[in-house]
Amino acid sequence: MEVVVIDKKGRIVIPSRIRKKLNLKNGDSLFVLSIKDDIIVLKKIDVKKVLRDIAREVATSKLDLDEMIGEVEEEANKVAKEKISTRH
């Protein structure tokens, strides 16, 4: 365990020992998750692998993408209307 400090731009430095252990390199992606009030979890992710896995799952499944797109658009419109109505 190590203690790091947030700089005035909100950045933190991941200690070199941890970067080496996790093989973190410049340009790697990390998933950031806030849990409860004072816990933050960083998880290394391979965005290209995640996208390949999703594409493979979609290709081998019987998902109706047009139906899914419609459902997402419907939900997005619902959320947008709720946001607008709470402002006025």
Protein backbone atom coordinates (compact mmCIF):
# COMPACT_ATOMS: atom_id res chain seq x y z
CA MET A 1 0.00 0.00 0.00
CA GLU A 2 1.21 3.47 -0.82
CA VAL A 3 -0.07 6.98 -0.23
CA VAL A 4 -0.34 9.33 -3.20
CA VAL A 5 -1.33 13.00 -3.35
CA ILE A 6 -3.71 14.63 -5.80
CA ASP A 7 -2.16 17.66 -7.52
CA LYS A 8 -3.99 20.93 -8.21
CA LYS A 9 -5.16 19.60 -11.59
CA GLY A 10 -6.72 16.52 -9.95
CA ARG A 11 -4.03 14.11 -11.11
CA ILE A 12 -2.43 11.32 -9.13
CA VAL A 13 0.77 9.41 -9.84
CA ILE A 14 0.61 5.65 -9.63
CA PRO A 15 3.81 4.57 -7.90
CA SER A 16 6.38 2.94 -10.19
CA ARG A 17 6.37 -0.29 -8.17
CA ILE A 18 2.65 -0.71 -8.89
CA ARG A 19 2.98 0.36 -12.54
CA LYS A 20 5.69 -2.27 -13.04
CA LYS A 21 3.72 -4.98 -11.22
CA LEU A 22 0.62 -4.34 -13.37
CA ASN A 23 2.65 -3.66 -16.52
CA LEU A 24 1.01 -0.24 -16.90
CA LYS A 25 2.35 1.82 -19.78
CA ASN A 26 1.71 5.26 -21.22
CA GLY A 27 -1.67 5.23 -22.97
CA ASP A 28 -3.13 2.26 -21.04
CA SER A 29 -6.76 2.62 -20.00
CA LEU A 30 -8.03 2.34 -16.45
CA PHE A 31 -11.64 1.90 -15.36
CA VAL A 32 -12.45 4.18 -12.40
CA LEU A 33 -15.21 3.20 -10.00
CA SER A 34 -16.35 5.11 -6.93
CA ILE A 35 -17.61 2.87 -4.16
CA LYS A 36 -19.36 4.37 -1.15
CA ASP A 37 -18.09 7.74 0.07
CA ASP A 38 -14.36 7.25 0.24
CA ILE A 39 -13.28 4.29 -1.89
CA ILE A 40 -12.06 4.51 -5.48
CA VAL A 41 -11.14 1.44 -7.48
CA LEU A 42 -8.88 1.59 -10.55
CA LYS A 43 -8.92 -1.42 -12.85
CA LYS A 44 -6.65 -1.87 -15.84
CA ILE A 45 -8.68 -2.62 -18.95
CA ASP A 46 -7.81 -3.49 -22.51
CA VAL A 47 -10.35 -1.46 -24.48
CA LYS A 48 -9.60 -3.26 -27.76
CA LYS A 49 -10.12 -6.65 -26.09
CA VAL A 50 -13.39 -5.51 -24.52
CA LEU A 51 -14.65 -4.29 -27.91
CA ARG A 52 -13.56 -7.53 -29.61
CA ASP A 53 -15.35 -9.55 -26.93
CA ILE A 54 -18.52 -7.50 -27.36
CA ALA A 55 -18.36 -7.81 -31.15
CA ARG A 56 -17.85 -11.58 -30.87
CA GLU A 57 -20.78 -11.91 -28.46
CA VAL A 58 -23.05 -9.87 -30.72
CA ALA A 59 -21.98 -11.85 -33.78
CA THR A 60 -22.66 -15.23 -32.16
CA SER A 61 -25.87 -14.27 -30.39
CA LYS A 62 -29.33 -13.87 -31.73
CA LEU A 63 -29.55 -10.23 -30.64
CA ASP A 64 -31.71 -7.90 -32.70
CA LEU A 65 -29.47 -4.83 -32.86
CA ASP A 66 -32.16 -2.64 -34.42
CA GLU A 67 -34.48 -3.46 -31.54
CA MET A 68 -31.71 -2.73 -29.02
CA ILE A 69 -30.94 0.62 -30.68
CA GLY A 70 -34.61 1.56 -30.49
CA GLU A 71 -34.75 0.63 -26.80
CA VAL A 72 -31.62 2.66 -26.02
CA GLU A 73 -32.95 5.68 -27.92
CA GLU A 74 -36.30 5.38 -26.12
CA GLU A 75 -34.59 5.26 -22.72
CA ALA A 76 -32.29 8.16 -23.62
CA ASN A 77 -35.27 10.28 -24.64
CA LYS A 78 -37.04 9.40 -21.40
CA VAL A 79 -34.01 10.43 -19.32
CA ALA A 80 -33.61 13.65 -21.32
CA LYS A 81 -37.27 14.58 -20.78
CA GLU A 82 -36.92 13.91 -17.04
CA LYS A 83 -33.82 16.11 -16.86
CA ILE A 84 -35.55 18.94 -18.72
CA SER A 85 -38.69 18.73 -16.59
CA THR A 86 -36.69 18.94 -13.35
CA ARG A 87 -34.97 22.14 -14.51
CA HIS A 88 -38.22 24.00 -15.13
